[in-house]
Protein backbone atom coordinates (compact mmCIF):
# COMPACT_ATOMS: atom_id res chain seq x y z
CA UNK A 1 24.29 6.39 -2.27
CA UNK A 2 22.33 7.08 0.91
CA UNK A 3 23.38 5.53 4.14
CA UNK A 4 21.96 2.23 5.24
CA UNK A 5 19.39 1.69 7.96
CA UNK A 6 20.72 0.28 11.20
CA UNK A 7 19.21 -2.46 13.30
CA UNK A 8 17.87 -2.00 16.77
CA UNK A 9 18.71 -4.72 19.26
CA UNK A 10 20.64 -7.92 18.73
CA UNK A 11 19.68 -11.50 18.09
CA UNK A 12 18.97 -13.31 21.33
CA UNK A 13 19.42 -16.76 19.80
CA UNK A 14 20.04 -18.60 16.57
CA UNK A 15 16.35 -19.14 15.90
CA UNK A 16 15.24 -15.68 16.94
CA UNK A 17 15.93 -12.76 14.60
CA UNK A 18 15.31 -9.09 15.12
CA UNK A 19 13.94 -7.34 12.03
CA UNK A 20 15.49 -4.13 10.85
CA UNK A 21 13.79 -1.00 12.15
CA UNK A 22 14.14 1.94 9.73
CA UNK A 23 16.57 4.66 10.80
CA UNK A 24 15.09 8.18 11.06
CA UNK A 25 16.32 10.76 8.58
CA UNK A 26 17.60 14.13 9.79
CA UNK A 27 14.83 16.33 11.17
CA UNK A 28 12.63 17.81 8.47
CA UNK A 29 10.70 21.03 8.29
CA UNK A 30 8.28 22.19 5.61
CA UNK A 31 11.20 23.48 3.54
CA UNK A 32 14.79 22.27 3.49
CA UNK A 33 17.69 24.54 2.46
CA UNK A 34 19.85 22.96 -0.21
CA UNK A 35 22.96 23.35 1.96
CA UNK A 36 21.39 20.84 4.37
CA UNK A 37 21.59 18.10 1.76
CA UNK A 38 24.64 16.12 2.78
CA UNK A 39 24.38 12.93 0.76
CA UNK A 40 23.31 11.53 -2.62
CA UNK A 41 22.94 15.02 -4.08
CA UNK A 42 24.46 13.96 -7.41
CA UNK A 43 21.34 11.92 -8.17
CA UNK A 44 18.64 14.06 -9.73
CA UNK A 45 15.34 13.60 -11.52
CA UNK A 46 13.26 15.78 -13.82
CA UNK A 47 16.18 17.15 -15.85
CA UNK A 48 18.07 17.98 -12.67
CA UNK A 49 15.25 19.76 -10.87
CA UNK A 50 14.67 17.24 -8.06
CA UNK A 51 17.57 16.25 -5.80
CA UNK A 52 17.43 12.71 -4.43
CA UNK A 53 17.87 12.49 -0.65
CA UNK A 54 16.96 8.92 0.28
CA UNK A 55 14.64 6.00 -0.35
CA UNK A 56 11.63 6.07 1.97
CA UNK A 57 9.53 3.22 0.59
CA UNK A 58 9.08 0.62 -2.08
CA UNK A 59 6.20 -1.05 -3.85
CA UNK A 60 5.69 -3.93 -6.23
CA UNK A 61 6.81 -1.88 -9.23
CA UNK A 62 9.41 0.58 -7.92
CA UNK A 63 10.66 2.77 -5.09
CA UNK A 64 9.56 5.97 -3.38
CA UNK A 65 12.27 8.57 -2.81
CA UNK A 66 12.37 11.74 -0.78
CA UNK A 67 13.50 14.58 -3.03
CA UNK A 68 13.99 18.33 -2.75
CA UNK A 69 12.83 20.73 -5.46
CA UNK A 70 15.80 22.93 -6.41
CA UNK A 71 13.40 25.71 -7.45
CA UNK A 72 11.62 25.98 -4.10
CA UNK A 73 13.71 23.93 -1.61
CA UNK A 74 10.52 22.07 -0.65
CA UNK A 75 10.62 18.31 0.04
CA UNK A 76 8.38 15.87 -1.85
CA UNK A 77 7.83 12.16 -2.25
CA UNK A 78 8.82 10.93 -5.70
CA UNK A 79 7.47 7.57 -6.79
CA UNK A 80 9.41 5.99 -9.65
CA UNK A 81 8.54 2.77 -11.44
CA UNK A 82 8.81 0.96 -14.74
CA UNK A 83 5.28 -0.47 -14.98
CA UNK A 84 3.33 1.74 -17.40
CA UNK A 85 -0.04 0.12 -16.63
CA UNK A 86 0.18 0.66 -12.87
CA UNK A 87 1.51 4.18 -13.45
CA UNK A 88 -1.39 5.18 -15.71
CA UNK A 89 -3.91 3.70 -13.30
CA UNK A 90 -2.39 5.53 -10.32
CA UNK A 91 -2.24 8.90 -12.08
CA UNK A 92 -5.92 8.61 -13.03
CA UNK A 93 -6.77 7.74 -9.43
CA UNK A 94 -4.88 10.72 -7.99
CA UNK A 95 -6.57 13.05 -10.47
CA UNK A 96 -10.00 11.77 -9.41
CA UNK A 97 -9.09 12.05 -5.73
CA UNK A 98 -7.78 15.62 -5.81
CA UNK A 99 -9.05 17.44 -2.73
CA UNK A 100 -9.85 14.31 -0.70
CA UNK A 101 -8.63 14.80 2.86
CA UNK A 102 -6.31 11.96 3.73
CA UNK A 103 -4.97 11.42 0.20
CA UNK A 104 -1.52 12.93 -0.49
CA UNK A 105 -1.56 15.84 -2.92
CA UNK A 106 -0.54 14.99 -6.47
CA UNK A 107 1.64 17.63 -8.16
CA UNK A 108 3.07 16.35 -11.44
CA UNK A 109 4.16 13.37 -13.46
CA UNK A 110 6.90 12.85 -16.05
CA UNK A 111 8.97 10.20 -17.80
CA UNK A 112 12.73 9.95 -17.79
CA UNK A 113 15.17 7.23 -18.89
CA UNK A 114 12.44 4.63 -19.24
CA UNK A 115 10.92 5.34 -15.82
CA UNK A 116 7.72 7.11 -14.83
CA UNK A 117 7.69 9.54 -11.92
CA UNK A 118 4.89 10.81 -9.67
CA UNK A 119 5.58 13.91 -7.57
CA UNK A 120 3.51 13.65 -4.39
CA UNK A 121 3.06 15.32 -1.03
CA UNK A 122 5.60 14.02 1.48
CA UNK A 123 4.05 12.24 4.46
CA UNK A 124 5.57 10.58 7.50
CA UNK A 125 6.01 7.09 8.88
CA UNK A 126 3.58 4.47 7.61
CA UNK A 127 1.38 2.46 9.95
CA UNK A 128 3.40 -0.74 9.56
CA UNK A 129 6.61 1.06 10.57
CA UNK A 130 4.77 2.78 13.41
CA UNK A 131 3.48 -0.52 14.81
CA UNK A 132 6.94 -2.08 14.62
CA UNK A 133 8.41 0.88 16.48
CA UNK A 134 5.72 0.45 19.17
CA UNK A 135 6.75 -3.14 19.91
CA UNK A 136 4.96 -4.76 16.97
CA UNK A 137 1.43 -4.24 18.24
CA UNK A 138 -1.04 -1.56 19.24
CA UNK A 139 -3.51 -1.78 22.07
CA UNK A 140 -7.04 -2.21 20.79
CA UNK A 141 -7.99 1.22 22.06
CA UNK A 142 -5.13 2.69 20.02
CA UNK A 143 -6.15 0.84 16.86
CA UNK A 144 -9.82 1.71 17.37
CA UNK A 145 -8.86 5.37 17.79
CA UNK A 146 -7.64 5.31 14.17
CA UNK A 147 -10.80 3.73 12.74
CA UNK A 148 -12.87 6.92 12.23
CA UNK A 149 -10.10 8.46 10.11
CA UNK A 150 -9.62 5.24 8.15
CA UNK A 151 -13.32 4.95 7.41
CA UNK A 152 -13.66 8.63 6.51
CA UNK A 153 -10.84 8.38 3.96
CA UNK A 154 -12.27 5.17 2.54
CA UNK A 155 -15.75 6.66 2.28
CA UNK A 156 -14.43 9.70 0.39
CA UNK A 157 -12.55 7.44 -2.02
CA UNK A 158 -15.69 5.40 -2.59
CA UNK A 159 -17.71 8.58 -3.13
CA UNK A 160 -15.37 9.40 -6.02
CA UNK A 161 -16.36 6.10 -7.59
CA UNK A 162 -13.18 4.18 -6.74
CA UNK A 163 -12.23 1.20 -4.61
CA UNK A 164 -8.69 1.18 -3.23
CA UNK A 165 -8.24 -2.59 -3.59
CA UNK A 166 -5.05 -2.85 -1.51
CA UNK A 167 -5.89 -1.93 2.09
CA UNK A 168 -3.06 -2.89 4.47
CA UNK A 169 -0.97 -1.30 7.26
CA UNK A 170 1.82 -0.15 4.93
CA UNK A 171 -0.70 1.83 2.87
CA UNK A 172 -1.66 4.13 5.75
CA UNK A 173 0.74 6.85 6.91
CA UNK A 174 0.85 9.71 9.39
CA UNK A 175 1.31 13.32 8.35
CA UNK A 176 4.35 15.43 9.16
CA UNK A 177 4.76 18.15 11.77
CA UNK A 178 1.45 19.66 12.85
CA UNK A 179 -0.34 17.03 10.73
CA UNK A 180 1.25 14.09 12.57
CA UNK A 181 -2.05 12.96 14.09
CA UNK A 182 -3.72 12.80 10.67
CA UNK A 183 -3.80 9.59 8.65
CA UNK A 184 -3.20 9.37 4.91
CA UNK A 185 -3.89 6.53 2.52
CA UNK A 186 -1.15 5.57 0.06
CA UNK A 187 -0.55 3.57 -3.12
CA UNK A 188 -3.36 3.73 -5.64
CA UNK A 189 -1.78 1.40 -8.20
CA UNK A 190 -4.53 -1.24 -7.80
CA UNK A 191 -7.39 1.26 -7.52
CA UNK A 192 -10.31 0.61 -9.85
CA UNK A 193 -13.61 2.37 -10.66
CA UNK A 194 -16.93 0.86 -9.66
CA UNK A 195 -19.21 3.64 -10.96
CA UNK A 196 -19.90 4.49 -14.60
CA UNK A 197 -20.10 8.01 -16.06
CA UNK A 198 -23.74 8.28 -14.92
CA UNK A 199 -22.88 7.39 -11.33
CA UNK A 200 -24.40 3.92 -11.59
CA UNK A 201 -22.65 0.88 -10.18
CA UNK A 202 -20.82 -1.07 -12.86
CA UNK A 203 -22.15 -4.47 -13.74
CA UNK A 204 -20.31 -7.50 -12.46
CA UNK A 205 -17.08 -8.08 -14.35
CA UNK A 206 -14.71 -10.95 -14.91
CA UNK A 207 -11.58 -8.99 -14.09
CA UNK A 208 -9.54 -10.77 -11.40
CA UNK A 209 -9.45 -9.01 -8.02
CA UNK A 210 -6.19 -7.42 -6.95
CA UNK A 211 -4.56 -6.78 -3.61
CA UNK A 212 -2.18 -8.19 -1.01
CA UNK A 213 -2.95 -11.82 -0.23
CA UNK A 214 -2.73 -11.49 3.56
CA UNK A 215 -5.47 -8.83 3.61
CA UNK A 216 -7.65 -9.86 0.65
CA UNK A 217 -11.29 -10.61 1.41
CA UNK A 218 -12.66 -14.14 1.37
CA UNK A 219 -14.83 -13.22 -1.60
CA UNK A 220 -11.79 -12.16 -3.62
CA UNK A 221 -10.19 -15.59 -3.15
CA UNK A 222 -13.39 -17.34 -4.20
CA UNK A 223 -13.63 -15.10 -7.27
CA UNK A 224 -10.06 -15.88 -8.31
CA UNK A 225 -10.68 -19.57 -7.70
CA UNK A 226 -13.70 -19.51 -9.99
CA UNK A 227 -11.85 -17.54 -12.67
CA UNK A 228 -9.11 -20.17 -12.68
CA UNK A 229 -11.72 -22.86 -13.11
CA UNK A 230 -11.52 -23.83 -16.78
CA UNK A 231 -14.61 -23.66 -18.96
CA UNK A 232 -14.70 -27.42 -19.12
CA UNK A 233 -15.05 -27.51 -15.35
CA UNK A 234 -17.76 -24.86 -15.02
CA UNK A 235 -20.37 -27.59 -14.68
CA UNK A 236 -18.89 -28.44 -11.29
CA UNK A 237 -19.63 -24.97 -9.92
CA UNK A 238 -23.11 -25.94 -8.76
CA UNK A 239 -21.62 -28.82 -6.77
CA UNK A 240 -19.00 -26.52 -5.23
CA UNK A 241 -21.57 -23.90 -4.28
CA UNK A 242 -23.99 -26.42 -2.82
CA UNK A 243 -21.17 -27.89 -0.77
CA UNK A 244 -20.27 -24.46 0.57
CA UNK A 245 -23.90 -23.71 1.32
CA UNK A 246 -24.28 -26.84 3.39
CA UNK A 247 -21.17 -25.87 5.34
CA UNK A 248 -21.81 -22.27 6.24
CA UNK A 249 -24.79 -20.69 4.51
CA UNK A 250 -23.19 -17.32 3.62
CA UNK A 251 -25.59 -16.41 0.84
CA UNK A 252 -23.63 -13.79 -1.06
CA UNK A 253 -20.92 -16.34 -1.78
CA UNK A 254 -23.33 -19.00 -2.93
CA UNK A 255 -25.31 -17.48 -5.78
CA UNK A 256 -24.42 -17.99 -9.43
CA UNK A 257 -23.89 -14.22 -9.73
CA UNK A 258 -20.70 -14.57 -7.71
CA UNK A 259 -19.07 -16.12 -10.77
CA UNK A 260 -19.26 -12.73 -12.48
CA UNK A 261 -18.70 -10.57 -9.36
CA UNK A 262 -14.96 -10.95 -9.56
CA UNK A 263 -13.74 -7.36 -9.33
CA UNK A 264 -13.10 -5.58 -6.05
CA UNK A 265 -16.04 -3.71 -4.55
CA UNK A 266 -16.60 -1.54 -1.49
CA UNK A 267 -17.31 -4.49 0.78
CA UNK A 268 -13.87 -5.95 -0.04
CA UNK A 269 -12.14 -2.72 1.01
CA UNK A 270 -13.92 -2.90 4.36
CA UNK A 271 -13.11 -6.56 4.95
CA UNK A 272 -9.45 -5.85 4.17
CA UNK A 273 -9.60 -3.01 6.70
CA UNK A 274 -10.82 -5.43 9.38
CA UNK A 275 -7.88 -7.73 8.70
CA UNK A 276 -5.56 -4.70 8.84
CA UNK A 277 -6.90 -3.77 12.28
CA UNK A 278 -6.59 -7.33 13.51
CA UNK A 279 -3.00 -7.46 12.33
CA UNK A 280 -1.85 -4.24 13.99
CA UNK A 281 -3.47 -5.44 17.24
CA UNK A 282 -1.49 -8.68 16.94
CA UNK A 283 -4.70 -10.70 16.66
CA UNK A 284 -3.59 -13.83 14.83
CA UNK A 285 -4.61 -14.14 11.17
CA UNK A 286 -5.09 -17.92 10.81
CA UNK A 287 -3.95 -17.89 7.16
CA UNK A 288 -0.69 -16.02 7.80
CA UNK A 289 1.50 -19.11 7.50
CA UNK A 290 -0.20 -20.55 4.42
CA UNK A 291 1.87 -20.61 1.26
CA UNK A 292 1.14 -17.88 -1.28
CA UNK A 293 -1.76 -19.09 -3.47
CA UNK A 294 -0.70 -19.92 -7.02
CA UNK A 295 -3.62 -22.04 -8.20
CA UNK A 296 -7.36 -22.50 -7.85
CA UNK A 297 -7.19 -24.97 -4.97
CA UNK A 298 -4.88 -22.71 -2.97
CA UNK A 299 -7.19 -19.73 -3.38
CA UNK A 300 -10.11 -21.91 -2.36
CA UNK A 301 -8.20 -22.92 0.77
CA UNK A 302 -7.75 -19.23 1.60
CA UNK A 303 -11.45 -18.68 0.98
CA UNK A 304 -12.41 -21.47 3.37
CA UNK A 305 -10.22 -20.27 6.23
CA UNK A 306 -11.06 -16.58 5.80
CA UNK A 307 -14.77 -17.27 6.08
CA UNK A 308 -14.29 -18.49 9.63
CA UNK A 309 -17.87 -19.72 9.87
CA UNK A 310 -21.05 -17.69 9.47
CA UNK A 311 -20.04 -15.07 12.04
CA UNK A 312 -16.26 -15.12 11.71
CA UNK A 313 -15.95 -16.90 15.07
CA UNK A 314 -13.31 -19.27 13.70
CA UNK A 315 -11.12 -16.32 12.74
CA UNK A 316 -11.06 -14.60 16.12
CA UNK A 317 -13.17 -14.11 19.25
CA UNK A 318 -12.84 -10.32 19.52
CA UNK A 319 -16.45 -9.04 19.43
CA UNK A 320 -15.68 -5.90 17.42
CA UNK A 321 -13.88 -7.79 14.67
CA UNK A 322 -16.54 -10.49 14.51
CA UNK A 323 -19.31 -7.92 14.18
CA UNK A 324 -17.43 -5.92 11.54
CA UNK A 325 -16.84 -9.05 9.46
CA UNK A 326 -20.52 -9.95 9.67
CA UNK A 327 -21.41 -6.47 8.42
CA UNK A 328 -19.00 -6.77 5.48
CA UNK A 329 -20.38 -10.12 4.45
CA UNK A 330 -23.98 -9.00 4.70
CA UNK A 331 -23.30 -6.52 1.88
CA UNK A 332 -24.21 -7.27 -1.71
CA UNK A 333 -21.64 -6.75 -4.46
CA UNK A 334 -23.02 -3.33 -5.42
CA UNK A 335 -24.39 -2.26 -2.01
CA UNK A 336 -23.23 0.94 -0.33
CA UNK A 337 -21.86 0.28 3.18
CA UNK A 338 -23.18 2.11 6.23
CA UNK A 339 -19.90 3.79 7.12
CA UNK A 340 -21.18 5.46 10.30
CA UNK A 341 -22.51 2.16 11.62
CA UNK A 342 -19.16 0.57 10.84
CA UNK A 343 -17.36 3.27 12.85
CA UNK A 344 -19.68 2.73 15.81
CA UNK A 345 -18.56 -0.89 16.07
CA UNK A 346 -15.14 0.38 17.15
CA UNK A 347 -16.32 3.43 19.09
CA UNK A 348 -14.37 4.26 22.26
CA UNK A 349 -16.00 5.45 25.46
CA UNK A 350 -15.69 9.11 26.47
CA UNK A 351 -12.68 8.57 28.73
CA UNK A 352 -10.80 6.48 26.17
CA UNK A 353 -11.54 8.91 23.35
CA UNK A 354 -10.17 11.78 25.43
CA UNK A 355 -7.04 10.08 26.72
CA UNK A 356 -5.84 7.75 23.97
CA UNK A 357 -3.36 9.37 21.60
CA UNK A 358 -1.91 7.70 18.52
CA UNK A 359 0.84 9.59 16.69
CA UNK A 360 4.58 9.25 16.02
CA UNK A 361 7.05 10.23 18.74
CA UNK A 362 9.06 12.18 16.14
CA UNK A 363 6.37 13.97 14.14
CA UNK A 364 8.64 15.75 11.66
CA UNK A 365 10.67 12.77 10.46
CA UNK A 366 10.28 10.26 7.68
CA UNK A 367 11.96 6.86 7.66
CA UNK A 368 14.41 5.54 5.11
CA UNK A 369 14.44 1.99 3.82
CA UNK A 370 17.36 -0.15 2.72
CA UNK A 371 17.89 -0.34 -1.02
CA UNK A 372 18.52 -3.56 -2.86
CA UNK A 373 21.54 -3.68 -5.13
CA UNK A 374 19.46 -3.54 -8.30
CA UNK A 375 17.63 -0.48 -6.95
CA UNK A 376 20.92 1.26 -6.25
CA UNK A 377 22.01 0.51 -9.81
CA UNK A 378 18.81 2.08 -11.13
CA UNK A 379 19.39 5.25 -9.12
CA UNK A 380 22.93 5.53 -10.47
CA UNK A 381 21.44 6.02 -13.93
CA UNK A 382 20.34 9.44 -12.69
CA UNK A 383 23.76 10.51 -11.37
CA UNK A 384 24.40 13.89 -13.01
CA UNK A 385 28.15 13.23 -12.98
CA UNK A 386 27.81 9.96 -14.85
CA UNK A 387 27.39 11.54 -18.28
CA UNK A 388 30.33 13.89 -17.67
CA UNK A 389 32.54 10.97 -16.62
CA UNK A 390 31.51 8.85 -19.61
CA UNK A 391 32.13 11.77 -21.99
CA UNK A 392 35.58 12.32 -20.48
CA UNK A 393 36.41 8.62 -20.84
CA UNK A 394 35.35 8.64 -24.49
CA UNK A 395 37.40 11.79 -25.15
CA UNK A 396 40.42 10.14 -23.53
CA UNK A 397 40.02 7.08 -25.74
CA UNK A 398 39.81 9.26 -28.86
CA UNK A 399 42.91 11.15 -27.78
CA UNK A 400 44.81 7.90 -27.23
CA UNK A 401 43.65 6.57 -30.58
CA UNK A 402 45.01 9.68 -32.35
CA UNK A 403 48.33 9.73 -30.50
CA UNK A 404 51.59 9.11 -32.42
CA UNK A 405 52.15 5.92 -30.41
CA UNK A 406 48.80 4.41 -31.41
CA UNK A 407 49.04 1.16 -33.38
CA UNK A 408 47.98 1.17 -37.03
């Protein structure tokens, strides 16, 4: 198996722990000669075509590996997972997003040994890893420098009739080599359509919102809370809504239509982006230490704290974040955001725009992640020597069974 990531620094006390920082892989170029592969080259996918080099990421349903195509010697990202539903959804999303700048190129898909595989363009370090390597926070000017690219990618995705539904630091990544100052958006497993075949916005649905709890919008938590409300309790909704109205007066959360507006929409992507920016700037997210919501009351607690008052002032006092949150919450469920106006909220002055640079120090490297034991066992299923060894063992058993000394 591939080598393990090493830690940087040592614990300074019993209560203080230093998290593992991923170890860089050997330097990469656009093509890698096969004789440069020095480890894990017995593990192959796609009937032996793709040589496994190392794990470079993981998601809720599987891992992402860096592989080399034996036909071309080119490196790729290979996403492998068991979940057929997420796989089908992600393939459809990549097909719709072909040609969108800032979305990794999608090359092929196949099934093997009960797993599904997506062959994708290889990109570099993700934003979460980048922030950790920079001391666990970015200056606001650095984070704001990234906003135009983030919004442009998001707008293009929305123009294709999709919402990403899982905006967070780990789902942005930098390009490699000469593309190291370009951002990419990753992981389209939760992506869902919001336009029908005629280009009209879909009606409100009752499908539960998806996403990562830390970055989900307030509206998503309210929607889940209302979905979990049993039919016998629906009569209490008016009381709940009136109570909320008297507290904060955010109209789009207080109409009866919100009961049906449960799926992710464009405004939720933008609100999740605001939380992402706050997080990489080390602006405290007040709900970070709450337990993961598992019931209606817990989701309602998240909803209450994520509202932060009518202008978000209880969430943070950074003017740009407050204004951006107000803009998100002024949007109706099916309303198109003003993306340019959103970008202007975070606009840098001329000097800052010219001097601030945000890109990896090692632009042609990707970062490996540590594998769990069960993940290592999965990869061993694709060891090309395994079948040969098993066949030899079986042959040896047969030979022993047929020997003169074998018992009757």
